[in-house]
Protein backbone atom coordinates (compact mmCIF):
# COMPACT_ATOMS: atom_id res chain seq x y z
CA UNK A 1 147.74 -4.27 53.57
CA UNK A 2 146.68 -1.90 50.84
CA UNK A 3 145.93 -3.61 47.61
CA UNK A 4 145.83 -1.97 44.24
CA UNK A 5 144.73 -3.25 40.89
CA UNK A 6 146.28 -1.26 38.06
CA UNK A 7 144.48 -1.23 34.78
CA UNK A 8 146.01 0.45 31.75
CA UNK A 9 143.42 1.23 29.14
CA UNK A 10 144.58 1.86 25.62
CA UNK A 11 142.48 3.77 23.15
CA UNK A 12 143.46 5.18 19.79
CA UNK A 13 146.22 7.42 21.08
CA UNK A 14 145.78 7.88 24.79
CA UNK A 15 146.41 5.63 27.73
CA UNK A 16 144.35 6.20 30.90
CA UNK A 17 145.58 4.93 34.23
CA UNK A 18 143.16 4.09 36.99
CA UNK A 19 143.72 2.77 40.50
CA UNK A 20 141.32 1.04 42.87
CA UNK A 21 142.38 1.16 46.52
CA UNK A 22 140.86 -1.51 48.60
CA UNK A 23 142.54 -2.48 49.57
CA UNK A 24 133.07 -21.47 83.46
CA UNK A 25 131.90 -17.77 83.73
CA UNK A 26 135.21 -16.03 83.03
CA UNK A 27 135.02 -16.80 79.30
CA UNK A 28 137.56 -19.61 79.51
CA UNK A 29 136.54 -23.10 78.45
CA UNK A 30 135.28 -25.03 81.43
CA UNK A 31 137.32 -28.02 82.53
CA UNK A 32 134.56 -29.74 84.45
CA UNK A 33 132.01 -32.16 83.14
CA UNK A 34 129.72 -29.39 81.81
CA UNK A 35 131.70 -27.55 79.14
CA UNK A 36 128.88 -25.21 78.18
CA UNK A 37 128.06 -24.39 81.72
CA UNK A 38 136.78 3.44 72.89
CA UNK A 39 138.54 5.88 71.56
CA UNK A 40 138.77 6.35 67.79
CA UNK A 41 142.17 5.41 66.46
CA UNK A 42 143.71 7.30 63.59
CA UNK A 43 146.01 5.41 61.25
CA UNK A 44 147.01 7.20 58.12
CA UNK A 45 148.96 4.25 56.80
CA UNK A 46 146.57 1.42 57.59
CA UNK A 47 143.06 2.37 56.51
CA UNK A 48 140.79 0.38 54.27
CA UNK A 49 137.62 1.59 52.61
CA UNK A 50 135.23 -0.97 51.24
CA UNK A 51 133.14 -0.95 48.10
CA UNK A 52 132.02 -3.56 45.64
CA UNK A 53 134.89 -2.53 43.39
CA UNK A 54 137.46 -1.87 46.09
CA UNK A 55 137.23 -5.21 47.87
CA UNK A 56 139.97 -7.01 46.01
CA UNK A 57 143.15 -8.89 46.59
CA UNK A 58 146.24 -8.76 44.48
CA UNK A 59 147.02 -12.48 44.53
CA UNK A 60 144.17 -14.64 45.86
CA UNK A 61 145.33 -17.95 47.27
CA UNK A 62 143.70 -21.06 45.87
CA UNK A 63 143.31 -22.62 49.27
CA UNK A 64 141.37 -19.73 50.78
CA UNK A 65 139.28 -18.48 47.92
CA UNK A 66 136.49 -21.01 47.89
CA UNK A 67 133.01 -20.30 48.95
CA UNK A 68 130.75 -17.42 49.86
CA UNK A 69 129.20 -16.89 53.19
CA UNK A 70 127.07 -14.05 54.60
CA UNK A 71 123.94 -13.18 52.71
CA UNK A 72 122.53 -10.00 51.31
CA UNK A 73 119.06 -10.79 52.57
CA UNK A 74 118.30 -11.14 56.25
CA UNK A 75 115.90 -10.18 58.98
CA UNK A 76 117.48 -6.74 59.24
CA UNK A 77 118.13 -4.55 56.28
CA UNK A 78 121.73 -3.97 55.32
CA UNK A 79 123.06 -0.84 53.79
CA UNK A 80 124.34 -1.19 50.27
CA UNK A 81 128.09 -1.37 50.03
CA UNK A 82 129.31 2.23 49.97
CA UNK A 83 131.13 3.39 46.91
CA UNK A 84 134.58 4.79 47.18
CA UNK A 85 134.76 8.22 45.63
CA UNK A 86 137.63 10.59 45.13
CA UNK A 87 136.52 12.44 48.22
CA UNK A 88 136.54 9.36 50.45
CA UNK A 89 140.01 8.10 49.64
CA UNK A 90 143.25 9.87 50.32
CA UNK A 91 144.71 11.31 47.16
CA UNK A 92 147.38 9.13 45.64
CA UNK A 93 150.03 9.55 43.02
CA UNK A 94 149.41 7.73 39.74
CA UNK A 95 150.94 4.28 39.72
CA UNK A 96 153.59 3.92 37.00
CA UNK A 97 152.89 1.35 34.34
CA UNK A 98 155.00 -1.75 34.96
CA UNK A 99 155.42 -5.11 33.35
CA UNK A 100 152.71 -6.48 35.67
CA UNK A 101 150.10 -4.05 34.41
CA UNK A 102 147.40 -5.37 32.13
CA UNK A 103 147.02 -3.50 28.85
CA UNK A 104 143.73 -3.55 27.01
CA UNK A 105 143.93 -2.34 23.45
CA UNK A 106 140.56 -3.36 22.10
CA UNK A 107 138.32 -1.52 24.50
CA UNK A 108 138.17 1.75 26.33
CA UNK A 109 136.92 0.02 29.46
CA UNK A 110 138.73 -2.50 31.62
CA UNK A 111 137.03 -5.87 32.13
CA UNK A 112 135.89 -6.68 35.64
CA UNK A 113 138.23 -8.99 37.49
CA UNK A 114 136.41 -11.29 39.90
CA UNK A 115 137.63 -11.08 43.48
CA UNK A 116 137.52 -14.47 45.15
CA UNK A 117 139.18 -13.47 48.41
CA UNK A 118 136.44 -11.72 50.30
CA UNK A 119 134.27 -12.14 53.35
CA UNK A 120 131.09 -13.10 51.53
CA UNK A 121 129.60 -13.25 48.07
CA UNK A 122 126.21 -11.70 48.75
CA UNK A 123 126.77 -9.06 46.08
CA UNK A 124 126.79 -11.84 43.46
CA UNK A 125 123.56 -13.53 44.51
CA UNK A 126 119.88 -12.56 44.54
CA UNK A 127 118.07 -11.79 47.76
CA UNK A 128 115.83 -14.54 49.08
CA UNK A 129 112.94 -14.84 51.49
CA UNK A 130 113.33 -17.48 54.18
CA UNK A 131 110.43 -19.96 54.11
CA UNK A 132 108.27 -20.37 57.19
CA UNK A 133 105.81 -22.94 58.40
CA UNK A 134 107.92 -25.88 57.32
CA UNK A 135 108.41 -29.00 59.44
CA UNK A 136 110.88 -31.78 58.75
CA UNK A 137 112.07 -34.47 61.14
CA UNK A 138 114.84 -35.39 58.69
CA UNK A 139 117.84 -33.24 57.86
CA UNK A 140 117.00 -30.47 55.37
CA UNK A 141 118.38 -30.92 51.88
CA UNK A 142 121.45 -28.66 51.52
CA UNK A 143 121.25 -28.97 47.72
CA UNK A 144 117.64 -27.81 47.34
CA UNK A 145 117.31 -24.07 46.79
CA UNK A 146 114.58 -22.01 48.37
CA UNK A 147 112.80 -21.79 45.00
CA UNK A 148 112.67 -25.60 44.87
CA UNK A 149 115.30 -26.09 42.18
CA UNK A 150 118.40 -28.20 42.73
CA UNK A 151 122.05 -27.19 42.92
CA UNK A 152 123.71 -28.63 39.82
CA UNK A 153 127.21 -27.12 39.80
CA UNK A 154 129.87 -25.71 42.06
CA UNK A 155 129.05 -22.23 40.83
CA UNK A 156 125.42 -22.91 41.78
CA UNK A 157 126.60 -23.82 45.27
CA UNK A 158 127.99 -20.31 45.76
CA UNK A 159 124.53 -18.73 45.89
CA UNK A 160 122.98 -21.72 47.66
CA UNK A 161 125.46 -21.07 50.45
CA UNK A 162 124.26 -17.48 50.53
CA UNK A 163 120.73 -18.77 50.98
CA UNK A 164 121.88 -21.01 53.82
CA UNK A 165 123.66 -18.05 55.39
CA UNK A 166 120.48 -16.00 55.22
CA UNK A 167 118.44 -18.76 56.85
CA UNK A 168 120.90 -19.13 59.71
CA UNK A 169 121.03 -15.39 60.30
CA UNK A 170 117.26 -15.01 60.33
CA UNK A 171 116.43 -18.02 62.51
CA UNK A 172 119.42 -18.76 64.77
CA UNK A 173 122.30 -16.32 64.95
CA UNK A 174 121.03 -12.87 64.01
CA UNK A 175 122.43 -10.63 61.31
CA UNK A 176 126.14 -10.27 60.67
CA UNK A 177 126.69 -6.72 59.35
CA UNK A 178 129.00 -6.92 56.37
CA UNK A 179 131.45 -4.44 54.88
CA UNK A 180 131.67 -1.57 57.38
CA UNK A 181 132.60 1.82 55.99
CA UNK A 182 136.17 1.75 57.27
CA UNK A 183 138.52 -0.60 59.12
CA UNK A 184 142.02 0.34 60.22
CA UNK A 185 144.77 -1.40 62.14
CA UNK A 186 147.64 -0.26 64.29
CA UNK A 187 150.35 -2.72 65.28
CA UNK A 188 152.81 -2.26 68.12
CA UNK A 189 154.82 -4.70 70.24
CA UNK A 190 152.66 -7.75 69.62
CA UNK A 191 149.30 -5.99 69.81
CA UNK A 192 147.05 -5.20 66.87
CA UNK A 193 144.42 -2.57 67.58
CA UNK A 194 141.42 -2.83 65.27
CA UNK A 195 139.24 0.25 64.67
CA UNK A 196 135.93 -0.02 62.84
CA UNK A 197 133.85 2.87 61.57
CA UNK A 198 130.27 2.37 60.42
CA UNK A 199 127.13 4.48 60.39
CA UNK A 200 128.98 7.47 61.83
CA UNK A 201 130.44 5.67 64.86
CA UNK A 202 133.84 4.16 65.58
CA UNK A 203 134.77 1.37 68.01
CA UNK A 204 138.06 -0.34 68.77
CA UNK A 205 139.33 -3.61 70.23
CA UNK A 206 142.68 -5.39 70.20
CA UNK A 207 144.20 -8.83 69.71
CA UNK A 208 147.66 -10.13 70.58
CA UNK A 209 150.00 -11.80 68.09
CA UNK A 210 152.88 -14.19 68.73
CA UNK A 211 155.28 -15.74 66.24
CA UNK A 212 154.45 -13.31 63.45
CA UNK A 213 156.71 -12.43 60.55
CA UNK A 214 157.49 -9.09 58.97
CA UNK A 215 156.00 -6.91 56.28
CA UNK A 216 158.44 -8.44 53.79
CA UNK A 217 158.04 -11.99 55.06
CA UNK A 218 154.55 -12.49 56.51
CA UNK A 219 153.62 -15.87 57.94
CA UNK A 220 150.35 -17.84 58.17
CA UNK A 221 148.40 -17.57 61.40
CA UNK A 222 145.75 -19.28 63.48
CA UNK A 223 143.44 -16.92 65.32
CA UNK A 224 142.11 -18.62 68.41
CA UNK A 225 139.53 -17.73 71.00
CA UNK A 226 141.69 -17.14 74.05
CA UNK A 227 144.62 -18.22 71.89
CA UNK A 228 143.04 -21.59 71.18
CA UNK A 229 143.29 -24.98 72.89
CA UNK A 230 145.47 -26.86 70.43
CA UNK A 231 148.39 -27.19 72.83
CA UNK A 232 151.78 -27.36 71.14
CA UNK A 233 150.41 -29.23 68.13
CA UNK A 234 151.67 -26.70 65.58
CA UNK A 235 154.68 -25.34 67.45
CA UNK A 236 157.74 -24.91 65.26
CA UNK A 237 155.78 -24.94 62.01
CA UNK A 238 156.22 -21.24 61.27
CA UNK A 239 152.60 -20.34 62.01
CA UNK A 240 151.70 -17.36 64.20
CA UNK A 241 149.07 -17.42 66.94
CA UNK A 242 146.57 -14.58 67.28
CA UNK A 243 144.68 -14.46 70.56
CA UNK A 244 141.13 -13.13 70.31
CA UNK A 245 139.20 -12.21 73.46
CA UNK A 246 135.50 -12.36 72.52
CA UNK A 247 134.44 -10.32 75.54
CA UNK A 248 136.26 -7.36 74.01
CA UNK A 249 133.72 -7.48 71.17
CA UNK A 250 130.51 -8.81 72.75
CA UNK A 251 130.34 -10.26 76.28
CA UNK A 252 128.26 -13.43 76.18
CA UNK A 253 126.66 -12.86 79.57
CA UNK A 254 125.36 -9.36 78.82
CA UNK A 255 123.33 -9.23 75.64
CA UNK A 256 123.55 -5.93 73.82
CA UNK A 257 126.81 -4.70 75.37
CA UNK A 258 130.34 -4.30 74.02
CA UNK A 259 131.84 -2.60 70.97
CA UNK A 260 129.74 -4.54 68.46
CA UNK A 261 126.51 -3.28 70.03
CA UNK A 262 127.96 0.17 70.63
CA UNK A 263 128.32 0.34 66.86
CA UNK A 264 125.07 -1.30 65.77
CA UNK A 265 122.74 -0.74 68.71
CA UNK A 266 121.95 -2.67 71.89
CA UNK A 267 118.80 -4.14 70.31
CA UNK A 268 120.60 -5.56 67.27
CA UNK A 269 119.45 -9.10 66.47
CA UNK A 270 122.93 -10.63 66.58
CA UNK A 271 123.72 -13.07 69.34
CA UNK A 272 127.25 -13.31 70.68
CA UNK A 273 128.32 -16.02 68.22
CA UNK A 274 127.68 -13.91 65.15
CA UNK A 275 129.03 -10.78 66.88
CA UNK A 276 132.25 -12.68 67.57
CA UNK A 277 132.34 -13.78 63.95
CA UNK A 278 132.00 -10.13 62.94
CA UNK A 279 134.96 -9.29 65.19
CA UNK A 280 137.08 -12.04 63.62
CA UNK A 281 136.29 -10.67 60.16
CA UNK A 282 137.34 -7.20 61.19
CA UNK A 283 140.66 -8.61 62.42
CA UNK A 284 141.28 -9.97 58.92
CA UNK A 285 140.32 -6.57 57.45
CA UNK A 286 142.79 -4.81 59.74
CA UNK A 287 145.58 -7.29 59.00
CA UNK A 288 145.06 -6.73 55.26
CA UNK A 289 145.93 -3.06 55.69
CA UNK A 290 148.59 -3.47 58.39
CA UNK A 291 151.50 -5.27 56.73
CA UNK A 292 153.81 -4.46 59.62
CA UNK A 293 151.89 -7.06 61.66
CA UNK A 294 153.59 -9.71 59.51
CA UNK A 295 150.55 -11.95 58.89
CA UNK A 296 149.72 -13.66 55.60
CA UNK A 297 145.95 -13.16 55.50
CA UNK A 298 145.56 -15.61 52.63
CA UNK A 299 146.61 -18.44 54.91
CA UNK A 300 144.69 -18.04 58.15
CA UNK A 301 142.91 -20.55 60.35
CA UNK A 302 140.42 -20.10 63.18
CA UNK A 303 139.94 -22.28 66.25
CA UNK A 304 138.31 -22.43 69.66
CA UNK A 305 137.02 -24.97 72.16
CA UNK A 306 133.67 -25.54 73.87
CA UNK A 307 131.55 -22.37 73.61
CA UNK A 308 134.47 -20.86 71.76
CA UNK A 309 134.40 -23.90 69.46
CA UNK A 310 130.91 -22.82 68.48
CA UNK A 311 132.30 -19.35 67.87
CA UNK A 312 135.17 -20.67 65.74
CA UNK A 313 132.80 -22.65 63.53
CA UNK A 314 130.45 -19.69 63.04
CA UNK A 315 133.39 -17.38 62.27
CA UNK A 316 134.80 -19.80 59.72
CA UNK A 317 131.44 -20.51 58.13
CA UNK A 318 130.58 -16.84 57.69
CA UNK A 319 133.93 -15.62 56.37
CA UNK A 320 135.24 -17.31 53.23
CA UNK A 321 138.71 -15.86 53.77
CA UNK A 322 139.56 -18.43 56.43
CA UNK A 323 141.51 -21.20 54.75
CA UNK A 324 141.16 -23.56 57.73
CA UNK A 325 138.50 -23.97 60.43
CA UNK A 326 139.11 -26.08 63.58
CA UNK A 327 136.14 -26.22 65.99
CA UNK A 328 137.03 -28.25 69.07
CA UNK A 329 134.51 -29.97 71.37
CA UNK A 330 131.87 -27.45 70.31
CA UNK A 331 128.77 -29.38 71.37
CA UNK A 332 125.21 -28.25 70.73
CA UNK A 333 125.17 -25.08 68.66
CA UNK A 334 128.47 -26.06 67.06
CA UNK A 335 129.41 -29.08 64.96
CA UNK A 336 126.38 -31.01 66.19
CA UNK A 337 122.94 -31.50 64.61
CA UNK A 338 119.97 -30.09 66.53
CA UNK A 339 117.63 -32.83 65.34
CA UNK A 340 120.00 -35.45 66.73
CA UNK A 341 120.28 -33.54 70.01
CA UNK A 342 116.55 -34.19 70.55
CA UNK A 343 117.31 -37.91 70.77
CA UNK A 344 120.46 -37.79 72.92
CA UNK A 345 119.98 -37.27 76.66
CA UNK A 346 123.67 -36.45 77.12
CA UNK A 347 123.62 -33.57 74.63
CA UNK A 348 122.74 -30.05 75.74
CA UNK A 349 119.18 -29.39 74.55
CA UNK A 350 118.29 -26.29 72.58
CA UNK A 351 116.16 -25.03 75.49
CA UNK A 352 119.31 -24.91 77.63
CA UNK A 353 121.77 -23.69 75.02
CA UNK A 354 119.55 -20.78 73.99
CA UNK A 355 119.39 -19.45 77.56
CA UNK A 356 122.78 -20.33 79.07
CA UNK A 357 124.37 -17.31 77.44
CA UNK A 358 123.50 -14.75 74.76
CA UNK A 359 124.99 -16.93 72.03
CA UNK A 360 121.99 -16.91 69.72
CA UNK A 361 119.35 -14.57 68.42
CA UNK A 362 116.91 -14.09 71.31
CA UNK A 363 113.97 -15.57 69.36
CA UNK A 364 115.88 -18.80 68.70
CA UNK A 365 114.36 -20.30 71.84
CA UNK A 366 111.09 -20.52 69.91
CA UNK A 367 112.58 -23.59 68.21
CA UNK A 368 113.09 -25.59 71.41
CA UNK A 369 111.80 -29.11 71.91
CA UNK A 370 109.72 -30.46 69.02
CA UNK A 371 109.71 -27.04 67.37
CA UNK A 372 113.27 -27.88 66.36
CA UNK A 373 111.73 -29.70 63.41
CA UNK A 374 110.52 -26.33 62.11
CA UNK A 375 114.06 -25.10 61.56
CA UNK A 376 114.75 -24.66 57.84
CA UNK A 377 118.38 -25.62 58.54
CA UNK A 378 120.46 -27.91 60.69
CA UNK A 379 124.13 -27.78 61.49
CA UNK A 380 125.31 -30.07 58.72
CA UNK A 381 124.56 -27.00 56.62
CA UNK A 382 126.64 -24.77 58.93
CA UNK A 383 129.69 -27.02 58.74
CA UNK A 384 128.92 -27.45 55.04
CA UNK A 385 129.30 -23.70 54.53
CA UNK A 386 133.03 -24.20 55.12
CA UNK A 387 133.34 -26.52 52.10
CA UNK A 388 135.53 -26.81 50.11
CA UNK A 389 137.96 -25.10 52.48
CA UNK A 390 139.70 -27.10 55.22
CA UNK A 391 137.53 -28.26 58.14
CA UNK A 392 138.93 -30.27 61.05
CA UNK A 393 136.35 -31.11 63.72
CA UNK A 394 137.94 -32.30 66.98
CA UNK A 395 135.62 -34.03 69.43
CA UNK A 396 135.79 -35.61 72.88
CA UNK A 397 133.84 -38.48 74.38
CA UNK A 398 132.08 -39.07 77.68
CA UNK A 399 131.42 -35.46 78.68
CA UNK A 400 128.02 -34.14 79.67
CA UNK A 401 126.44 -31.74 77.16
CA UNK A 402 128.79 -32.75 74.34
CA UNK A 403 126.58 -35.75 73.60
CA UNK A 404 127.60 -38.91 71.84
CA UNK A 405 125.69 -39.13 68.57
CA UNK A 406 124.87 -35.54 67.47
CA UNK A 407 128.44 -34.63 66.53
CA UNK A 408 128.97 -37.91 64.70
CA UNK A 409 125.68 -37.45 62.87
CA UNK A 410 126.84 -33.99 61.94
CA UNK A 411 130.09 -35.40 60.59
CA UNK A 412 128.39 -38.03 58.44
CA UNK A 413 125.93 -35.52 56.97
CA UNK A 414 128.58 -32.83 56.52
CA UNK A 415 130.66 -35.29 54.55
CA UNK A 416 127.90 -35.42 51.90
CA UNK A 417 128.46 -31.74 51.10
CA UNK A 418 132.22 -32.05 50.82
CA UNK A 419 131.81 -35.12 48.62
CA UNK A 420 129.41 -33.25 46.33
CA UNK A 421 131.98 -30.50 45.88
CA UNK A 422 134.78 -32.96 45.15
CA UNK A 423 136.51 -31.97 48.39
CA UNK A 424 136.13 -35.04 50.58
CA UNK A 425 139.77 -34.81 51.64
CA UNK A 426 139.18 -31.30 53.02
CA UNK A 427 137.09 -32.63 55.94
CA UNK A 428 138.13 -34.71 58.93
CA UNK A 429 136.14 -35.61 62.03
CA UNK A 430 138.26 -36.96 64.88
CA UNK A 431 136.66 -38.19 68.14
CA UNK A 432 139.04 -39.14 70.95
CA UNK A 433 138.20 -39.70 74.62
CA UNK A 434 140.11 -40.21 77.86
CA UNK A 435 141.31 -36.63 78.15
CA UNK A 436 140.20 -33.44 79.87
CA UNK A 437 137.82 -31.07 78.20
CA UNK A 438 139.64 -28.63 75.91
CA UNK A 439 142.98 -30.37 76.40
CA UNK A 440 144.06 -31.71 73.03
CA UNK A 441 145.54 -35.22 73.40
CA UNK A 442 148.77 -36.11 71.63
CA UNK A 443 146.80 -38.62 69.55
CA UNK A 444 145.15 -35.72 67.72
CA UNK A 445 148.32 -33.66 67.17
CA UNK A 446 148.97 -35.27 63.80
CA UNK A 447 145.51 -34.28 62.58
CA UNK A 448 146.27 -30.64 63.35
CA UNK A 449 149.72 -30.79 61.78
CA UNK A 450 148.36 -32.33 58.58
CA UNK A 451 145.69 -29.65 58.16
CA UNK A 452 148.12 -26.84 58.98
CA UNK A 453 150.59 -28.20 56.44
CA UNK A 454 147.98 -28.57 53.73
CA UNK A 455 145.84 -25.46 54.15
CA UNK A 456 148.15 -22.90 55.74
CA UNK A 457 151.57 -23.92 54.47
CA UNK A 458 150.49 -25.53 51.17
CA UNK A 459 152.60 -28.61 51.81
CA UNK A 460 151.63 -32.18 50.95
CA UNK A 461 149.59 -33.89 53.68
CA UNK A 462 147.01 -36.62 54.00
CA UNK A 463 143.63 -35.41 55.24
CA UNK A 464 140.01 -36.45 54.98
CA UNK A 465 138.45 -39.11 57.21
CA UNK A 466 135.73 -39.85 59.74
CA UNK A 467 137.28 -41.28 62.90
CA UNK A 468 134.80 -42.07 65.66
CA UNK A 469 137.37 -43.93 67.71
CA UNK A 470 136.23 -46.98 69.62
CA UNK A 471 132.93 -45.49 70.65
CA UNK A 472 129.45 -46.86 70.10
CA UNK A 473 128.05 -44.10 67.94
CA UNK A 474 126.01 -44.97 64.88
CA UNK A 475 124.48 -43.25 61.89
CA UNK A 476 121.87 -44.85 59.68
CA UNK A 477 121.64 -42.64 56.63
CA UNK A 478 118.04 -43.51 55.79
CA UNK A 479 116.93 -42.35 59.26
CA UNK A 480 118.17 -38.82 58.61
CA UNK A 481 118.64 -38.21 54.89
CA UNK A 482 116.02 -38.51 52.15
CA UNK A 483 117.91 -36.50 49.52
CA UNK A 484 120.46 -37.49 46.94
CA UNK A 485 124.03 -36.20 47.07
CA UNK A 486 124.91 -34.79 43.63
CA UNK A 487 128.30 -34.63 42.00
CA UNK A 488 128.58 -30.93 41.32
CA UNK A 489 130.35 -30.02 38.10
CA UNK A 490 133.21 -27.50 38.37
């Protein structure tokens, strides 16, 4: 939806009015014991142009405004955010001054209003250079900045997360291009067509929407890979389902093909996981400027299972606008620590995961086997990027490639980050066995309902626990963590 921030500036005798306008192999989760194994659209009413001033939201929601994600420094250079000029935006009539306008009588310039509802916060943080030549058999310290200083406050964490984002993009996932020049949406009969223009090219893809509201009464939504695998767990709760087909953005079996690569080049560093995350972000952009789709973008969740669980976690970690992230049975490359994978024969090793599909940056295979210890990150930092937003990790037991310990180790180390941010109740890890892969058992329905109530509907609910079920998984903190967990001041 188009968003405008009206600033009325009072001087001695003249008021100026200004307006910013910013606003298996078929892709389905496998059900066997190896879960891992266009034309340009015109839309005069639903266009969004991005700039550092124009990316704003009229009423940011407290549950979806926490935390930055993608970084301004990465292996590939990113264009600076384009400025919106009078020639790049359709002419608009002046907005009448209303009781909601802010008058400023002591200055001729309006103060900057921080926008907390945006994809990433890279514009607020310095660029960093990712360290190389490091080796650590323990989990890297999420609270130690690249310059060696320690995170001491929640505001400090914002730019530390940007550093973490940069490290993941440069070593594992490839670069996520941020803030394309233009995104538009066109909604018709349950289908939202998303058109993205950047660097002189335009590509399009579509998603389907069920259970949506109206422009006047939008509803929260969960966007799921293939619609998600949460069964009927949130049926009847007034939450829409958006079905995202990742192959329409970047087919995992054919590196360098699909709309993402048509736009940014077949040799772009991004693997499929970060390309899918880019597609998810563009869906949010399009929904923001397409109110007729009836989706409340301030209350959106993302989910997926198996390989798509990896995709859901990456999408939620790299876009701070998602209020809720639900990766399901994501295995290695998802909510599972690589260093723990080395010691679990039932977990898919990095050497397999980096070649099974084009999920990762092609050079990520260089970190296989003992070279894993050279990674400057591990996936407790990926799940930690979601904090303090809602994170529900759903896991299964007894399936090849999912492993037994790595996901539990991830949960115990992720918890440290949520605790540091005073958001321990925003994270739940739930491990339940005796059910088919990517078939959510009834015993986990309540977990989903509680998180949907709390983070999408803003209703009271009890969340926040580590539930490993009755399974023999163990985590000895001293074997993996040699850093202290701070209590970060607000």
